[in-house]
Amino acid sequence: MASIASSVDEVKGKVALLTGAASGIGRAVAELLYARGAKVVAEDIDPAVKELERDGLISLTADVTVDGSAEKAGSACRRQVWHPRHPRE
């Protein structure tokens, strides 16, 4: 079992995609992951998700039930951590 000290850095440098991030548990998780060093893509149908934006935290206002929204979120994740395997769009 990981110690609490090691779990704090567990997400550092990773990219997290969260839906339902404008409020409640989704917002709390987005803020916690960001605080622990993850790069975050926060998505919600509610435009209030934009309040989360800062360097390393991208917001997307989108309806996950609409065709193409997953592709848009994937592109945002690739922008967070550009790598030669993942060309910028």
PDB file of N, CA and C in Angstrom:
ATOM      1  N   MET A   1       0.834  -1.176   0.000  1.00  0.00           N
ATOM      2  CA  MET A   1       0.000   0.000   0.000  1.00  0.00           C
ATOM      3  C   MET A   1       0.879   1.239   0.000  1.00  0.00           C
ATOM      4  N   ALA A   2       0.536   2.223  -0.840  1.00  0.00           N
ATOM      5  CA  ALA A   2       1.321   3.448  -0.941  1.00  0.00           C
ATOM      6  C   ALA A   2       1.108   4.313   0.296  1.00  0.00           C
ATOM      7  N   SER A   3       2.174   4.986   0.694  1.00  0.00           N
ATOM      8  CA  SER A   3       2.035   5.905   1.822  1.00  0.00           C
ATOM      9  C   SER A   3       1.355   7.180   1.346  1.00  0.00           C
ATOM     10  N   ILE A   4       0.840   7.947   2.274  1.00  0.00           N
ATOM     11  CA  ILE A   4       0.188   9.208   1.910  1.00  0.00           C
ATOM     12  C   ILE A   4       1.178  10.136   1.237  1.00  0.00           C
ATOM     13  N   ALA A   5       2.401  10.186   1.716  1.00  0.00           N
ATOM     14  CA  ALA A   5       3.402  11.068   1.130  1.00  0.00           C
ATOM     15  C   ALA A   5       3.661  10.725  -0.330  1.00  0.00           C
ATOM     16  N   SER A   6       3.742   9.454  -0.672  1.00  0.00           N
ATOM     17  CA  SER A   6       4.004   9.087  -2.060  1.00  0.00           C
ATOM     18  C   SER A   6       2.767   9.288  -2.921  1.00  0.00           C
ATOM     19  N   SER A   7       1.579   9.137  -2.353  1.00  0.00           N
ATOM     20  CA  SER A   7       0.371   9.298  -3.157  1.00  0.00           C
ATOM     21  C   SER A   7       0.112  10.754  -3.520  1.00  0.00           C
ATOM     22  N   VAL A   8       0.651  11.699  -2.753  1.00  0.00           N
ATOM     23  CA  VAL A   8       0.487  13.111  -3.067  1.00  0.00           C
ATOM     24  C   VAL A   8       1.120  13.425  -4.421  1.00  0.00           C
ATOM     25  N   ASP A   9       2.266  12.835  -4.720  1.00  0.00           N
ATOM     26  CA  ASP A   9       2.966  13.086  -5.983  1.00  0.00           C
ATOM     27  C   ASP A   9       2.585  12.091  -7.076  1.00  0.00           C
ATOM     28  N   GLU A  10       1.666  11.206  -6.807  1.00  0.00           N
ATOM     29  CA  GLU A  10       1.316  10.151  -7.748  1.00  0.00           C
ATOM     30  C   GLU A  10       0.833  10.684  -9.095  1.00  0.00           C
ATOM     31  N   VAL A  11       0.175  11.827  -9.135  1.00  0.00           N
ATOM     32  CA  VAL A  11      -0.380  12.364 -10.385  1.00  0.00           C
ATOM     33  C   VAL A  11       0.475  13.469 -10.988  1.00  0.00           C
ATOM     34  N   LYS A  12       1.542  13.842 -10.317  1.00  0.00           N
ATOM     35  CA  LYS A  12       2.393  14.931 -10.814  1.00  0.00           C
ATOM     36  C   LYS A  12       2.900  14.610 -12.220  1.00  0.00           C
ATOM     37  N   GLY A  13       2.666  15.559 -13.150  1.00  0.00           N
ATOM     38  CA  GLY A  13       3.110  15.389 -14.521  1.00  0.00           C
ATOM     39  C   GLY A  13       2.171  14.575 -15.400  1.00  0.00           C
ATOM     40  N   LYS A  14       1.116  14.036 -14.846  1.00  0.00           N
ATOM     41  CA  LYS A  14       0.129  13.267 -15.622  1.00  0.00           C
ATOM     42  C   LYS A  14      -0.930  14.218 -16.156  1.00  0.00           C
ATOM     43  N   VAL A  15      -1.725  13.732 -17.109  1.00  0.00           N
ATOM     44  CA  VAL A  15      -2.857  14.505 -17.628  1.00  0.00           C
ATOM     45  C   VAL A  15      -4.142  13.819 -17.207  1.00  0.00           C
ATOM     46  N   ALA A  16      -5.058  14.601 -16.658  1.00  0.00           N
ATOM     47  CA  ALA A  16      -6.350  14.073 -16.220  1.00  0.00           C
ATOM     48  C   ALA A  16      -7.460  14.766 -17.000  1.00  0.00           C
ATOM     49  N   LEU A  17      -8.424  13.979 -17.466  1.00  0.00           N
ATOM     50  CA  LEU A  17      -9.607  14.502 -18.143  1.00  0.00           C
ATOM     51  C   LEU A  17     -10.795  14.234 -17.234  1.00  0.00           C
ATOM     52  N   LEU A  18     -11.501  15.291 -16.843  1.00  0.00           N
ATOM     53  CA  LEU A  18     -12.657  15.148 -15.956  1.00  0.00           C
ATOM     54  C   LEU A  18     -13.887  15.736 -16.611  1.00  0.00           C
ATOM     55  N   THR A  19     -14.957  14.984 -16.583  1.00  0.00           N
ATOM     56  CA  THR A  19     -16.245  15.513 -17.026  1.00  0.00           C
ATOM     57  C   THR A  19     -17.044  15.878 -15.781  1.00  0.00           C
ATOM     58  N   GLY A  20     -18.006  16.772 -15.945  1.00  0.00           N
ATOM     59  CA  GLY A  20     -18.784  17.226 -14.795  1.00  0.00           C
ATOM     60  C   GLY A  20     -17.952  18.062 -13.849  1.00  0.00           C
ATOM     61  N   ALA A  21     -17.007  18.841 -14.405  1.00  0.00           N
ATOM     62  CA  ALA A  21     -16.022  19.543 -13.582  1.00  0.00           C
ATOM     63  C   ALA A  21     -16.429  20.958 -13.167  1.00  0.00           C
ATOM     64  N   ALA A  22     -17.620  21.425 -13.547  1.00  0.00           N
ATOM     65  CA  ALA A  22     -18.009  22.792 -13.207  1.00  0.00           C
ATOM     66  C   ALA A  22     -18.390  22.949 -11.741  1.00  0.00           C
ATOM     67  N   SER A  23     -18.817  21.864 -11.097  1.00  0.00           N
ATOM     68  CA  SER A  23     -19.270  21.997  -9.714  1.00  0.00           C
ATOM     69  C   SER A  23     -19.174  20.662  -8.986  1.00  0.00           C
ATOM     70  N   GLY A  24     -19.420  20.726  -7.708  1.00  0.00           N
ATOM     71  CA  GLY A  24     -19.496  19.516  -6.888  1.00  0.00           C
ATOM     72  C   GLY A  24     -18.220  18.701  -6.856  1.00  0.00           C
ATOM     73  N   ILE A  25     -18.414  17.384  -6.854  1.00  0.00           N
ATOM     74  CA  ILE A  25     -17.280  16.466  -6.764  1.00  0.00           C
ATOM     75  C   ILE A  25     -16.344  16.611  -7.954  1.00  0.00           C
ATOM     76  N   GLY A  26     -16.892  16.789  -9.162  1.00  0.00           N
ATOM     77  CA  GLY A  26     -16.050  16.951 -10.351  1.00  0.00           C
ATOM     78  C   GLY A  26     -15.112  18.127 -10.229  1.00  0.00           C
ATOM     79  N   ARG A  27     -15.623  19.245  -9.750  1.00  0.00           N
ATOM     80  CA  ARG A  27     -14.787  20.440  -9.564  1.00  0.00           C
ATOM     81  C   ARG A  27     -13.736  20.200  -8.481  1.00  0.00           C
ATOM     82  N   ALA A  28     -14.148  19.595  -7.390  1.00  0.00           N
ATOM     83  CA  ALA A  28     -13.210  19.325  -6.295  1.00  0.00           C
ATOM     84  C   ALA A  28     -12.077  18.410  -6.757  1.00  0.00           C
ATOM     85  N   VAL A  29     -12.400  17.398  -7.539  1.00  0.00           N
ATOM     86  CA  VAL A  29     -11.375  16.480  -8.042  1.00  0.00           C
ATOM     87  C   VAL A  29     -10.443  17.208  -9.007  1.00  0.00           C
ATOM     88  N   ALA A  30     -10.997  18.036  -9.903  1.00  0.00           N
ATOM     89  CA  ALA A  30     -10.165  18.807 -10.840  1.00  0.00           C
ATOM     90  C   ALA A  30      -9.192  19.698 -10.076  1.00  0.00           C
ATOM     91  N   GLU A  31      -9.678  20.389  -9.063  1.00  0.00           N
ATOM     92  CA  GLU A  31      -8.820  21.278  -8.280  1.00  0.00           C
ATOM     93  C   GLU A  31      -7.766  20.498  -7.492  1.00  0.00           C
ATOM     94  N   LEU A  32      -8.139  19.348  -6.952  1.00  0.00           N
ATOM     95  CA  LEU A  32      -7.188  18.535  -6.192  1.00  0.00           C
ATOM     96  C   LEU A  32      -6.087  17.984  -7.098  1.00  0.00           C
ATOM     97  N   LEU A  33      -6.468  17.451  -8.237  1.00  0.00           N
ATOM     98  CA  LEU A  33      -5.460  16.914  -9.160  1.00  0.00           C
ATOM     99  C   LEU A  33      -4.510  18.011  -9.626  1.00  0.00           C
ATOM    100  N   TYR A  34      -5.062  19.182  -9.933  1.00  0.00           N
ATOM    101  CA  TYR A  34      -4.228  20.314 -10.342  1.00  0.00           C
ATOM    102  C   TYR A  34      -3.266  20.698  -9.206  1.00  0.00           C
ATOM    103  N   ALA A  35      -3.789  20.787  -7.997  1.00  0.00           N
ATOM    104  CA  ALA A  35      -2.956  21.152  -6.847  1.00  0.00           C
ATOM    105  C   ALA A  35      -1.835  20.144  -6.613  1.00  0.00           C
ATOM    106  N   ARG A  36      -2.068  18.902  -7.006  1.00  0.00           N
ATOM    107  CA  ARG A  36      -1.055  17.856  -6.819  1.00  0.00           C
ATOM    108  C   ARG A  36      -0.148  17.683  -8.029  1.00  0.00           C
ATOM    109  N   GLY A  37      -0.235  18.608  -8.992  1.00  0.00           N
ATOM    110  CA  GLY A  37       0.727  18.628 -10.091  1.00  0.00           C
ATOM    111  C   GLY A  37       0.279  18.040 -11.406  1.00  0.00           C
ATOM    112  N   ALA A  38      -0.963  17.585 -11.498  1.00  0.00           N
ATOM    113  CA  ALA A  38      -1.457  17.056 -12.774  1.00  0.00           C
ATOM    114  C   ALA A  38      -1.838  18.213 -13.686  1.00  0.00           C
ATOM    115  N   LYS A  39      -1.745  17.980 -14.973  1.00  0.00           N
ATOM    116  CA  LYS A  39      -2.306  18.900 -15.961  1.00  0.00           C
ATOM    117  C   LYS A  39      -3.729  18.407 -16.187  1.00  0.00           C
ATOM    118  N   VAL A  40      -4.679  19.313 -16.161  1.00  0.00           N
ATOM    119  CA  VAL A  40      -6.081  18.925 -16.132  1.00  0.00           C
ATOM    120  C   VAL A  40      -6.846  19.503 -17.308  1.00  0.00           C
ATOM    121  N   VAL A  41      -7.699  18.673 -17.894  1.00  0.00           N
ATOM    122  CA  VAL A  41      -8.697  19.110 -18.864  1.00  0.00           C
ATOM    123  C   VAL A  41     -10.039  18.913 -18.165  1.00  0.00           C
ATOM    124  N   ALA A  42     -10.696  20.043 -17.855  1.00  0.00           N
ATOM    125  CA  ALA A  42     -11.960  20.026 -17.124  1.00  0.00           C
ATOM    126  C   ALA A  42     -13.095  20.302 -18.108  1.00  0.00           C
ATOM    127  N   GLU A  43     -14.045  19.379 -18.197  1.00  0.00           N
ATOM    128  CA  GLU A  43     -15.121  19.495 -19.175  1.00  0.00           C
ATOM    129  C   GLU A  43     -16.472  19.491 -18.458  1.00  0.00           C
ATOM    130  N   ASP A  44     -17.380  20.339 -18.953  1.00  0.00           N
ATOM    131  CA  ASP A  44     -18.734  20.364 -18.411  1.00  0.00           C
ATOM    132  C   ASP A  44     -19.639  21.079 -19.410  1.00  0.00           C
ATOM    133  N   ILE A  45     -20.927  20.775 -19.356  1.00  0.00           N
ATOM    134  CA  ILE A  45     -21.913  21.455 -20.180  1.00  0.00           C
ATOM    135  C   ILE A  45     -22.172  22.870 -19.641  1.00  0.00           C
ATOM    136  N   ASP A  46     -21.873  23.072 -18.358  1.00  0.00           N
ATOM    137  CA  ASP A  46     -22.070  24.361 -17.695  1.00  0.00           C
ATOM    138  C   ASP A  46     -20.874  25.276 -17.980  1.00  0.00           C
ATOM    139  N   PRO A  47     -21.107  26.463 -18.560  1.00  0.00           N
ATOM    140  CA  PRO A  47     -20.008  27.389 -18.855  1.00  0.00           C
ATOM    141  C   PRO A  47     -19.209  27.824 -17.624  1.00  0.00           C
ATOM    142  N   ALA A  48     -19.725  27.586 -16.434  1.00  0.00           N
ATOM    143  CA  ALA A  48     -18.988  27.927 -15.211  1.00  0.00           C
ATOM    144  C   ALA A  48     -17.663  27.177 -15.109  1.00  0.00           C
ATOM    145  N   VAL A  49     -17.492  26.133 -15.912  1.00  0.00           N
ATOM    146  CA  VAL A  49     -16.233  25.376 -15.901  1.00  0.00           C
ATOM    147  C   VAL A  49     -15.057  26.281 -16.269  1.00  0.00           C
ATOM    148  N   LYS A  50     -15.309  27.356 -17.004  1.00  0.00           N
ATOM    149  CA  LYS A  50     -14.238  28.282 -17.402  1.00  0.00           C
ATOM    150  C   LYS A  50     -13.587  28.962 -16.198  1.00  0.00           C
ATOM    151  N   GLU A  51     -14.292  29.019 -15.066  1.00  0.00           N
ATOM    152  CA  GLU A  51     -13.730  29.623 -13.854  1.00  0.00           C
ATOM    153  C   GLU A  51     -12.492  28.876 -13.369  1.00  0.00           C
ATOM    154  N   LEU A  52     -12.331  27.640 -13.770  1.00  0.00           N
ATOM    155  CA  LEU A  52     -11.197  26.825 -13.340  1.00  0.00           C
ATOM    156  C   LEU A  52      -9.921  27.115 -14.124  1.00  0.00           C
ATOM    157  N   GLU A  53     -10.027  27.748 -15.285  1.00  0.00           N
ATOM    158  CA  GLU A  53      -8.869  27.898 -16.177  1.00  0.00           C
ATOM    159  C   GLU A  53      -7.698  28.612 -15.529  1.00  0.00           C
ATOM    160  N   ARG A  54      -6.531  28.048 -15.786  1.00  0.00           N
ATOM    161  CA  ARG A  54      -5.255  28.641 -15.398  1.00  0.00           C
ATOM    162  C   ARG A  54      -4.171  27.877 -16.140  1.00  0.00           C
ATOM    163  N   ASP A  55      -2.944  28.263 -15.990  1.00  0.00           N
ATOM    164  CA  ASP A  55      -1.858  27.560 -16.670  1.00  0.00           C
ATOM    165  C   ASP A  55      -1.838  26.113 -16.194  1.00  0.00           C
ATOM    166  N   GLY A  56      -1.994  25.176 -17.122  1.00  0.00           N
ATOM    167  CA  GLY A  56      -2.000  23.762 -16.764  1.00  0.00           C
ATOM    168  C   GLY A  56      -3.381  23.198 -16.500  1.00  0.00           C
ATOM    169  N   LEU A  57      -4.418  24.040 -16.637  1.00  0.00           N
ATOM    170  CA  LEU A  57      -5.782  23.565 -16.456  1.00  0.00           C
ATOM    171  C   LEU A  57      -6.648  24.184 -17.555  1.00  0.00           C
ATOM    172  N   ILE A  58      -7.030  23.367 -18.519  1.00  0.00           N
ATOM    173  CA  ILE A  58      -7.842  23.791 -19.653  1.00  0.00           C
ATOM    174  C   ILE A  58      -9.289  23.451 -19.368  1.00  0.00           C
ATOM    175  N   SER A  59     -10.187  24.368 -19.729  1.00  0.00           N
ATOM    176  CA  SER A  59     -11.607  24.052 -19.574  1.00  0.00           C
ATOM    177  C   SER A  59     -12.253  23.881 -20.941  1.00  0.00           C
ATOM    178  N   LEU A  60     -13.234  23.000 -21.003  1.00  0.00           N
ATOM    179  CA  LEU A  60     -14.025  22.785 -22.211  1.00  0.00           C
ATOM    180  C   LEU A  60     -15.493  22.843 -21.837  1.00  0.00           C
ATOM    181  N   THR A  61     -16.246  23.677 -22.540  1.00  0.00           N
ATOM    182  CA  THR A  61     -17.692  23.676 -22.364  1.00  0.00           C
ATOM    183  C   THR A  61     -18.241  22.781 -23.454  1.00  0.00           C
ATOM    184  N   ALA A  62     -18.719  21.611 -23.070  1.00  0.00           N
ATOM    185  CA  ALA A  62     -19.187  20.636 -24.052  1.00  0.00           C
ATOM    186  C   ALA A  62     -20.177  19.680 -23.408  1.00  0.00           C
ATOM    187  N   ASP A  63     -21.004  19.112 -24.262  1.00  0.00           N
ATOM    188  CA  ASP A  63     -21.974  18.100 -23.851  1.00  0.00           C
ATOM    189  C   ASP A  63     -21.401  16.747 -24.258  1.00  0.00           C
ATOM    190  N   VAL A  64     -21.055  15.917 -23.299  1.00  0.00           N
ATOM    191  CA  VAL A  64     -20.407  14.638 -23.605  1.00  0.00           C
ATOM    192  C   VAL A  64     -21.308  13.687 -24.378  1.00  0.00           C
ATOM    193  N   THR A  65     -22.597  13.992 -24.472  1.00  0.00           N
ATOM    194  CA  THR A  65     -23.503  13.127 -25.231  1.00  0.00           C
ATOM    195  C   THR A  65     -23.551  13.486 -26.714  1.00  0.00           C
ATOM    196  N   VAL A  66     -22.865  14.559 -27.111  1.00  0.00           N
ATOM    197  CA  VAL A  66     -22.876  15.029 -28.495  1.00  0.00           C
ATOM    198  C   VAL A  66     -21.693  14.423 -29.252  1.00  0.00           C
ATOM    199  N   ASP A  67     -21.962  13.936 -30.463  1.00  0.00           N
ATOM    200  CA  ASP A  67     -20.897  13.397 -31.303  1.00  0.00           C
ATOM    201  C   ASP A  67     -19.779  14.427 -31.469  1.00  0.00           C
ATOM    202  N   GLY A  68     -18.555  13.961 -31.368  1.00  0.00           N
ATOM    203  CA  GLY A  68     -17.387  14.809 -31.558  1.00  0.00           C
ATOM    204  C   GLY A  68     -16.835  15.404 -30.273  1.00  0.00           C
ATOM    205  N   SER A  69     -17.581  15.340 -29.186  1.00  0.00           N
ATOM    206  CA  SER A  69     -17.076  15.944 -27.952  1.00  0.00           C
ATOM    207  C   SER A  69     -15.881  15.165 -27.387  1.00  0.00           C
ATOM    208  N   ALA A  70     -15.859  13.859 -27.546  1.00  0.00           N
ATOM    209  CA  ALA A  70     -14.725  13.062 -27.056  1.00  0.00           C
ATOM    210  C   ALA A  70     -13.456  13.399 -27.837  1.00  0.00           C
ATOM    211  N   GLU A  71     -13.593  13.615 -29.133  1.00  0.00           N
ATOM    212  CA  GLU A  71     -12.435  13.983 -29.955  1.00  0.00           C
ATOM    213  C   GLU A  71     -11.893  15.342 -29.529  1.00  0.00           C
ATOM    214  N   LYS A  72     -12.808  16.277 -29.243  1.00  0.00           N
ATOM    215  CA  LYS A  72     -12.404  17.609 -28.795  1.00  0.00           C
ATOM    216  C   LYS A  72     -11.641  17.502 -27.469  1.00  0.00           C
ATOM    217  N   ALA A  73     -12.126  16.676 -26.563  1.00  0.00           N
ATOM    218  CA  ALA A  73     -11.459  16.492 -25.276  1.00  0.00           C
ATOM    219  C   ALA A  73     -10.091  15.829 -25.462  1.00  0.00           C
ATOM    220  N   GLY A  74     -10.006  14.859 -26.355  1.00  0.00           N
ATOM    221  CA  GLY A  74      -8.724  14.209 -26.640  1.00  0.00           C
ATOM    222  C   GLY A  74      -7.700  15.184 -27.191  1.00  0.00           C
ATOM    223  N   SER A  75      -8.145  16.069 -28.059  1.00  0.00           N
ATOM    224  CA  SER A  75      -7.247  17.097 -28.605  1.00  0.00           C
ATOM    225  C   SER A  75      -6.748  18.013 -27.497  1.00  0.00           C
ATOM    226  N   ALA A  76      -7.624  18.378 -26.578  1.00  0.00           N
ATOM    227  CA  ALA A  76      -7.218  19.237 -25.458  1.00  0.00           C
ATOM    228  C   ALA A  76      -6.185  18.530 -24.589  1.00  0.00           C
ATOM    229  N   CYS A  77      -6.346  17.239 -24.381  1.00  0.00           N
ATOM    230  CA  CYS A  77      -5.364  16.468 -23.603  1.00  0.00           C
ATOM    231  C   CYS A  77      -4.014  16.461 -24.297  1.00  0.00           C
ATOM    232  N   ARG A  78      -4.011  16.276 -25.607  1.00  0.00           N
ATOM    233  CA  ARG A  78      -2.744  16.282 -26.339  1.00  0.00           C
ATOM    234  C   ARG A  78      -2.073  17.643 -26.269  1.00  0.00           C
ATOM    235  N   ARG A  79      -2.842  18.715 -26.265  1.00  0.00           N
ATOM    236  CA  ARG A  79      -2.255  20.051 -26.144  1.00  0.00           C
ATOM    237  C   ARG A  79      -1.609  20.243 -24.775  1.00  0.00           C
ATOM    238  N   GLN A  80      -2.131  19.583 -23.767  1.00  0.00           N
ATOM    239  CA  GLN A  80      -1.577  19.720 -22.417  1.00  0.00           C
ATOM    240  C   GLN A  80      -0.167  19.129 -22.334  1.00  0.00           C
ATOM    241  N   VAL A  81       0.065  18.045 -23.012  1.00  0.00           N
ATOM    242  CA  VAL A  81       1.390  17.411 -22.969  1.00  0.00           C
ATOM    243  C   VAL A  81       1.794  17.011 -24.375  1.00  0.00           C
ATOM    244  N   TRP A  82       2.254  17.972 -25.138  1.00  0.00           N
ATOM    245  CA  TRP A  82       2.662  17.663 -26.499  1.00  0.00           C
ATOM    246  C   TRP A  82       3.821  16.689 -26.463  1.00  0.00           C
ATOM    247  N   HIS A  83       3.716  15.733 -27.353  1.00  0.00           N
ATOM    248  CA  HIS A  83       4.772  14.720 -27.492  1.00  0.00           C
ATOM    249  C   HIS A  83       4.864  14.407 -28.991  1.00  0.00           C
ATOM    250  N   PRO A  84       6.061  14.113 -29.505  1.00  0.00           N
ATOM    251  CA  PRO A  84       6.189  13.822 -30.939  1.00  0.00           C
ATOM    252  C   PRO A  84       5.240  12.739 -31.455  1.00  0.00           C
ATOM    253  N   ARG A  85       4.839  11.790 -30.598  1.00  0.00           N
ATOM    254  CA  ARG A  85       3.892  10.761 -31.029  1.00  0.00           C
ATOM    255  C   ARG A  85       2.495  11.338 -31.240  1.00  0.00           C
ATOM    256  N   HIS A  86       2.229  12.472 -30.598  1.00  0.00           N
ATOM    257  CA  HIS A  86       0.901  13.081 -30.649  1.00  0.00           C
ATOM    258  C   HIS A  86       1.003  14.442 -31.309  1.00  0.00           C
ATOM    259  N   PRO A  87       0.848  14.511 -32.630  1.00  0.00           N
ATOM    260  CA  PRO A  87       0.992  15.806 -33.295  1.00  0.00           C
ATOM    261  C   PRO A  87      -0.031  16.804 -32.805  1.00  0.00           C
ATOM    262  N   ARG A  88       0.417  18.065 -32.728  1.00  0.00           N
ATOM    263  CA  ARG A  88      -0.492  19.142 -32.314  1.00  0.00           C
ATOM    264  C   ARG A  88      -1.558  19.329 -33.367  1.00  0.00           C
ATOM    265  N   GLU A  89      -2.723  19.695 -32.901  1.00  0.00           N
ATOM    266  CA  GLU A  89      -3.837  19.925 -33.831  1.00  0.00           C
ATOM    267  C   GLU A  89      -4.184  21.387 -33.851  1.00  0.00           C
TER     268      GLU A  89
END
